[in-house]
N, C-alpha and C. Protein backbone atom coordinates (compact mmCIF):
# COMPACT_ATOMS: atom_id res chain seq x y z
N UNK A 1 -40.18 22.11 -37.97
CA UNK A 1 -38.99 21.32 -38.01
C UNK A 1 -39.01 20.14 -37.23
N UNK A 2 -38.64 18.98 -37.88
CA UNK A 2 -38.65 17.60 -37.54
C UNK A 2 -37.30 17.11 -37.40
N UNK A 3 -36.56 17.22 -36.33
CA UNK A 3 -35.07 16.87 -36.12
C UNK A 3 -34.86 16.04 -34.82
N UNK A 4 -34.02 15.04 -34.91
CA UNK A 4 -33.77 14.26 -33.65
C UNK A 4 -32.33 14.02 -33.73
N UNK A 5 -31.70 14.10 -32.48
CA UNK A 5 -30.33 13.86 -32.26
C UNK A 5 -30.21 13.03 -31.08
N UNK A 6 -29.61 11.89 -31.14
CA UNK A 6 -29.49 10.91 -30.16
C UNK A 6 -28.14 10.34 -30.07
N UNK A 7 -27.71 10.04 -28.86
CA UNK A 7 -26.52 9.24 -28.47
C UNK A 7 -26.91 8.06 -27.57
N UNK A 8 -26.75 6.94 -27.93
CA UNK A 8 -27.03 5.87 -26.99
C UNK A 8 -26.52 4.53 -27.47
N UNK A 9 -26.95 3.38 -26.81
CA UNK A 9 -26.40 2.00 -27.03
C UNK A 9 -27.41 1.21 -27.84
N UNK A 10 -27.11 0.31 -28.64
CA UNK A 10 -28.08 -0.70 -29.20
C UNK A 10 -28.51 -1.57 -28.04
N UNK A 11 -29.68 -1.79 -28.11
CA UNK A 11 -30.28 -2.83 -27.08
C UNK A 11 -30.26 -4.22 -27.42
N UNK A 12 -30.01 -4.48 -28.91
CA UNK A 12 -29.89 -5.88 -29.34
C UNK A 12 -29.31 -5.74 -30.68
N UNK A 13 -29.04 -6.90 -31.18
CA UNK A 13 -28.38 -6.90 -32.59
C UNK A 13 -29.24 -6.25 -33.58
N UNK A 14 -28.64 -5.57 -34.55
CA UNK A 14 -29.30 -4.89 -35.61
C UNK A 14 -30.02 -6.05 -36.55
N UNK A 15 -31.29 -5.67 -36.92
CA UNK A 15 -32.06 -6.69 -37.71
C UNK A 15 -32.07 -6.19 -39.29
N UNK A 16 -31.46 -6.89 -40.18
CA UNK A 16 -31.26 -6.39 -41.49
C UNK A 16 -32.42 -7.13 -42.37
N UNK A 17 -32.99 -6.27 -43.21
CA UNK A 17 -34.06 -6.77 -44.15
C UNK A 17 -33.84 -6.16 -45.55
N UNK A 18 -34.64 -6.66 -46.58
CA UNK A 18 -34.56 -6.22 -47.77
C UNK A 18 -36.02 -6.03 -48.38
N UNK A 19 -36.30 -4.87 -49.05
CA UNK A 19 -37.59 -4.68 -49.63
C UNK A 19 -37.80 -5.69 -50.72
N UNK A 20 -38.90 -5.81 -51.33
CA UNK A 20 -39.15 -6.61 -52.74
C UNK A 20 -38.26 -6.07 -53.70
N UNK A 21 -37.93 -4.69 -53.66
CA UNK A 21 -37.09 -4.21 -54.77
C UNK A 21 -35.64 -4.38 -54.34
N UNK A 22 -35.20 -5.00 -53.34
CA UNK A 22 -33.78 -5.28 -53.06
C UNK A 22 -33.10 -4.17 -52.25
N UNK A 23 -34.07 -3.20 -51.72
CA UNK A 23 -33.39 -2.15 -50.93
C UNK A 23 -33.15 -2.54 -49.47
N UNK A 24 -31.90 -2.29 -49.04
CA UNK A 24 -31.63 -2.86 -47.62
C UNK A 24 -32.26 -1.83 -46.56
N UNK A 25 -32.70 -2.30 -45.40
CA UNK A 25 -32.94 -1.48 -44.34
C UNK A 25 -32.73 -2.42 -42.97
N UNK A 26 -32.51 -1.47 -42.04
CA UNK A 26 -32.29 -2.33 -40.72
C UNK A 26 -33.05 -1.59 -39.57
N UNK A 27 -33.58 -2.39 -38.59
CA UNK A 27 -34.16 -1.85 -37.61
C UNK A 27 -33.33 -1.98 -36.27
N UNK A 28 -33.20 -0.93 -35.55
CA UNK A 28 -32.45 -1.02 -34.25
C UNK A 28 -33.24 -0.27 -33.17
N UNK A 29 -32.83 -0.70 -31.95
CA UNK A 29 -33.51 0.08 -30.72
C UNK A 29 -32.33 0.57 -30.02
N UNK A 30 -32.40 1.95 -29.60
CA UNK A 30 -31.24 2.63 -28.90
C UNK A 30 -31.68 2.94 -27.60
N UNK A 31 -30.88 2.69 -26.55
CA UNK A 31 -31.17 3.15 -25.22
C UNK A 31 -30.50 4.41 -25.01
N UNK A 32 -31.36 5.37 -24.59
CA UNK A 32 -30.61 6.74 -24.48
C UNK A 32 -30.95 7.22 -23.06
N UNK A 33 -30.06 7.58 -22.31
CA UNK A 33 -30.08 8.07 -20.91
C UNK A 33 -30.82 9.36 -20.94
N UNK A 34 -31.73 9.63 -20.05
CA UNK A 34 -32.41 10.89 -19.82
C UNK A 34 -31.48 11.73 -19.00
N UNK A 35 -31.63 13.07 -18.97
CA UNK A 35 -30.74 13.96 -18.22
C UNK A 35 -30.87 14.10 -16.73
N UNK A 36 -31.67 12.94 -16.08
CA UNK A 36 -31.94 13.13 -14.70
C UNK A 36 -32.07 11.68 -14.16
N UNK A 37 -32.22 11.65 -12.94
CA UNK A 37 -32.44 10.27 -12.23
C UNK A 37 -33.80 10.49 -11.47
N UNK A 38 -34.38 9.22 -11.13
CA UNK A 38 -35.67 9.31 -10.43
C UNK A 38 -35.32 9.56 -9.06
N UNK A 39 -36.57 9.51 -8.21
CA UNK A 39 -36.35 9.72 -6.69
C UNK A 39 -35.56 8.77 -6.05
N UNK A 40 -35.26 7.59 -6.57
CA UNK A 40 -34.44 6.54 -6.06
C UNK A 40 -32.96 6.67 -6.46
N UNK A 41 -32.62 7.63 -7.23
CA UNK A 41 -31.38 7.88 -7.78
C UNK A 41 -30.84 6.99 -8.88
N UNK A 42 -31.89 6.29 -9.40
CA UNK A 42 -31.64 5.51 -10.67
C UNK A 42 -31.78 6.37 -11.95
N UNK A 43 -30.86 6.00 -12.89
CA UNK A 43 -30.73 6.46 -14.13
C UNK A 43 -32.00 6.11 -14.98
N UNK A 44 -32.80 7.24 -15.56
CA UNK A 44 -33.88 6.96 -16.34
C UNK A 44 -33.38 6.77 -17.81
N UNK A 45 -33.98 5.84 -18.54
CA UNK A 45 -33.52 5.32 -19.97
C UNK A 45 -34.86 5.52 -20.79
N UNK A 46 -34.70 5.88 -21.99
CA UNK A 46 -35.74 5.82 -23.07
C UNK A 46 -35.22 4.82 -24.14
N UNK A 47 -36.00 4.04 -24.58
CA UNK A 47 -35.72 3.11 -25.54
C UNK A 47 -36.40 3.55 -26.93
N UNK A 48 -35.43 3.93 -28.06
CA UNK A 48 -36.00 4.57 -29.20
C UNK A 48 -35.83 3.61 -30.35
N UNK A 49 -37.05 3.25 -30.88
CA UNK A 49 -36.88 2.36 -32.14
C UNK A 49 -36.45 3.36 -33.47
N UNK A 50 -35.70 2.81 -34.16
CA UNK A 50 -35.11 3.47 -35.41
C UNK A 50 -35.07 2.57 -36.46
N UNK A 51 -35.01 3.19 -37.75
CA UNK A 51 -34.84 2.44 -39.03
C UNK A 51 -33.77 3.23 -39.73
N UNK A 52 -32.89 2.47 -40.47
CA UNK A 52 -31.98 2.99 -41.30
C UNK A 52 -31.93 2.34 -42.75
N UNK A 53 -31.60 3.08 -43.71
CA UNK A 53 -31.77 2.41 -45.06
C UNK A 53 -30.37 2.29 -45.82
N UNK A 54 -30.57 1.58 -46.74
CA UNK A 54 -29.46 1.32 -47.83
C UNK A 54 -28.13 0.90 -47.28
N UNK A 55 -27.13 1.44 -47.86
CA UNK A 55 -25.67 1.07 -47.43
C UNK A 55 -25.44 1.25 -46.02
N UNK A 56 -26.00 2.30 -45.39
CA UNK A 56 -25.97 2.56 -44.01
C UNK A 56 -26.56 1.43 -43.09
N UNK A 57 -27.58 0.77 -43.63
CA UNK A 57 -28.23 -0.27 -42.88
C UNK A 57 -27.28 -1.59 -43.02
N UNK A 58 -26.64 -1.65 -44.13
CA UNK A 58 -25.80 -2.99 -44.17
C UNK A 58 -24.59 -2.73 -43.26
N UNK A 59 -23.96 -1.37 -43.10
CA UNK A 59 -22.84 -1.06 -42.28
C UNK A 59 -23.24 -1.21 -40.78
N UNK A 60 -24.48 -0.87 -40.34
CA UNK A 60 -24.77 -0.99 -39.01
C UNK A 60 -24.84 -2.46 -38.73
N UNK A 61 -25.33 -3.24 -39.59
CA UNK A 61 -25.33 -4.82 -39.24
C UNK A 61 -24.07 -5.27 -39.28
N UNK A 62 -23.13 -4.76 -40.10
CA UNK A 62 -21.92 -5.37 -40.17
C UNK A 62 -20.97 -4.94 -39.00
N UNK A 63 -21.17 -3.66 -38.64
CA UNK A 63 -20.06 -3.22 -37.52
C UNK A 63 -20.68 -2.95 -36.28
N UNK A 64 -21.86 -3.01 -36.06
CA UNK A 64 -22.55 -2.83 -34.66
C UNK A 64 -23.15 -4.11 -34.12
N UNK A 65 -23.08 -4.10 -32.71
CA UNK A 65 -23.69 -5.28 -32.04
C UNK A 65 -24.40 -4.69 -30.82
N UNK A 66 -25.18 -5.62 -30.12
CA UNK A 66 -25.79 -5.18 -28.97
C UNK A 66 -24.80 -4.49 -28.05
N UNK A 67 -25.14 -3.24 -27.54
CA UNK A 67 -24.12 -2.47 -26.63
C UNK A 67 -23.40 -1.56 -27.38
N UNK A 68 -23.33 -1.49 -28.59
CA UNK A 68 -22.44 -0.55 -29.51
C UNK A 68 -23.03 0.95 -29.26
N UNK A 69 -22.04 1.86 -29.06
CA UNK A 69 -22.47 3.24 -28.83
C UNK A 69 -22.54 3.90 -30.16
N UNK A 70 -23.57 4.54 -30.50
CA UNK A 70 -23.86 5.24 -31.88
C UNK A 70 -24.51 6.70 -31.63
N UNK A 71 -24.13 7.56 -32.52
CA UNK A 71 -24.77 8.80 -32.52
C UNK A 71 -25.67 8.87 -33.82
N UNK A 72 -26.84 9.40 -33.58
CA UNK A 72 -27.75 9.39 -34.61
C UNK A 72 -28.36 10.73 -34.78
N UNK A 73 -28.56 11.16 -36.08
CA UNK A 73 -29.43 12.26 -36.56
C UNK A 73 -30.43 11.72 -37.48
N UNK A 74 -31.68 12.31 -37.31
CA UNK A 74 -32.67 11.96 -38.21
C UNK A 74 -34.02 12.63 -37.86
N UNK A 75 -35.22 11.98 -38.06
CA UNK A 75 -36.53 12.54 -38.06
C UNK A 75 -37.50 11.63 -37.52
N UNK A 76 -38.44 12.07 -36.85
CA UNK A 76 -39.63 11.33 -36.50
C UNK A 76 -40.37 10.81 -37.56
N UNK A 77 -40.68 9.59 -37.76
CA UNK A 77 -41.59 9.04 -38.80
C UNK A 77 -42.71 8.22 -38.32
N UNK A 78 -43.76 8.42 -38.67
CA UNK A 78 -45.04 7.59 -38.33
C UNK A 78 -45.55 6.97 -39.49
N UNK A 79 -45.93 5.63 -39.22
CA UNK A 79 -46.61 4.80 -40.17
C UNK A 79 -47.60 3.96 -39.66
N UNK A 80 -48.43 3.31 -40.52
CA UNK A 80 -49.40 2.28 -39.96
C UNK A 80 -49.55 1.28 -41.03
N UNK A 81 -50.05 0.12 -40.52
CA UNK A 81 -50.32 -1.05 -41.40
C UNK A 81 -51.57 -1.92 -40.73
N UNK A 82 -52.08 -2.79 -41.41
CA UNK A 82 -52.98 -3.82 -40.83
C UNK A 82 -52.28 -5.05 -40.63
N UNK A 83 -52.31 -5.60 -39.45
CA UNK A 83 -51.66 -6.88 -39.07
C UNK A 83 -52.46 -8.05 -39.68
N UNK A 84 -51.98 -9.28 -39.40
CA UNK A 84 -52.60 -10.52 -39.94
C UNK A 84 -54.03 -10.67 -39.32
N UNK A 85 -54.40 -10.06 -38.20
CA UNK A 85 -55.78 -10.13 -37.81
C UNK A 85 -56.65 -8.88 -38.15
N UNK A 86 -56.04 -8.28 -39.13
CA UNK A 86 -56.81 -7.03 -39.62
C UNK A 86 -56.90 -5.79 -38.70
N UNK A 87 -56.10 -5.84 -37.53
CA UNK A 87 -56.00 -4.76 -36.75
C UNK A 87 -55.04 -3.73 -37.25
N UNK A 88 -55.30 -2.45 -37.15
CA UNK A 88 -54.46 -1.30 -37.44
C UNK A 88 -53.44 -1.15 -36.39
N UNK A 89 -52.10 -1.20 -36.92
CA UNK A 89 -51.03 -1.04 -36.05
C UNK A 89 -50.36 0.24 -36.41
N UNK A 90 -50.03 1.16 -35.48
CA UNK A 90 -49.39 2.33 -35.60
C UNK A 90 -47.95 2.27 -35.17
N UNK A 91 -47.02 2.98 -35.88
CA UNK A 91 -45.52 2.79 -35.65
C UNK A 91 -45.07 4.29 -35.64
N UNK A 92 -44.24 4.62 -34.47
CA UNK A 92 -43.39 5.82 -34.56
C UNK A 92 -42.06 5.45 -34.29
N UNK A 93 -41.21 5.83 -35.12
CA UNK A 93 -39.75 5.58 -34.92
C UNK A 93 -38.93 6.83 -35.69
N UNK A 94 -37.56 6.76 -35.33
CA UNK A 94 -36.67 7.58 -35.84
C UNK A 94 -36.24 7.09 -37.32
N UNK A 95 -36.33 7.85 -38.36
CA UNK A 95 -35.87 7.58 -39.66
C UNK A 95 -34.44 8.12 -39.61
N UNK A 96 -33.48 7.26 -39.65
CA UNK A 96 -31.99 7.67 -39.36
C UNK A 96 -31.46 8.39 -40.86
N UNK A 97 -30.93 9.57 -40.70
CA UNK A 97 -30.29 10.25 -41.86
C UNK A 97 -28.87 9.98 -41.68
N UNK A 98 -28.30 10.09 -40.50
CA UNK A 98 -26.87 9.84 -40.41
C UNK A 98 -26.68 9.09 -38.99
N UNK A 99 -25.67 8.00 -39.10
CA UNK A 99 -25.35 7.20 -37.93
C UNK A 99 -23.82 7.31 -37.90
N UNK A 100 -23.35 7.54 -36.68
CA UNK A 100 -21.83 7.53 -36.47
C UNK A 100 -21.67 6.41 -35.41
N UNK A 101 -20.62 5.66 -35.75
CA UNK A 101 -20.29 4.56 -34.81
C UNK A 101 -19.23 5.18 -33.80
N UNK A 102 -19.44 5.37 -32.55
CA UNK A 102 -18.64 6.14 -31.55
C UNK A 102 -17.76 5.30 -30.76
N UNK A 103 -17.54 4.01 -31.05
CA UNK A 103 -16.61 3.10 -30.46
C UNK A 103 -16.05 2.30 -31.55
N UNK A 104 -14.79 1.83 -31.18
CA UNK A 104 -14.12 0.84 -32.08
C UNK A 104 -14.98 -0.44 -31.98
N UNK A 105 -14.82 -1.33 -33.17
CA UNK A 105 -15.49 -2.62 -32.90
C UNK A 105 -14.95 -3.43 -31.73
N UNK A 106 -15.96 -4.04 -31.00
CA UNK A 106 -15.44 -4.90 -29.91
C UNK A 106 -14.77 -6.05 -30.22
N UNK A 107 -13.69 -6.60 -29.32
CA UNK A 107 -13.12 -7.89 -29.81
C UNK A 107 -14.28 -8.97 -29.70
N UNK A 108 -14.10 -9.94 -30.76
CA UNK A 108 -15.03 -10.92 -30.71
C UNK A 108 -16.28 -10.66 -31.51
N UNK A 109 -16.55 -9.42 -31.95
CA UNK A 109 -17.53 -9.18 -32.72
C UNK A 109 -17.47 -9.81 -34.02
N UNK A 110 -18.57 -10.11 -34.68
CA UNK A 110 -18.76 -10.92 -35.98
C UNK A 110 -18.03 -10.13 -37.01
N UNK A 111 -17.37 -10.79 -37.86
CA UNK A 111 -16.57 -10.19 -38.96
C UNK A 111 -17.52 -10.00 -40.21
């Protein structure tokens, strides 16, 4: 079973892209608190890269901003590609199946 459930805050503005076929996708990074603190009492945080597709990608870009609280369900997805220098780059990210906006849109957020 490959199942991921996350609750966290966006670390930056969502980045919306379109494939050559016109399919929307967005990349986001979510900061998720770990369930414990380190020896100095500091909260530990994981930064999880995620990708969301189609209308959900457009919705995330329209309604979420840096700091937005979201709930995500999805699965781990791995891929690779060759960069401009011909070096193989490996990517691991959460492929979002469902995303829930857990806060109202903030005042001053783009319309």
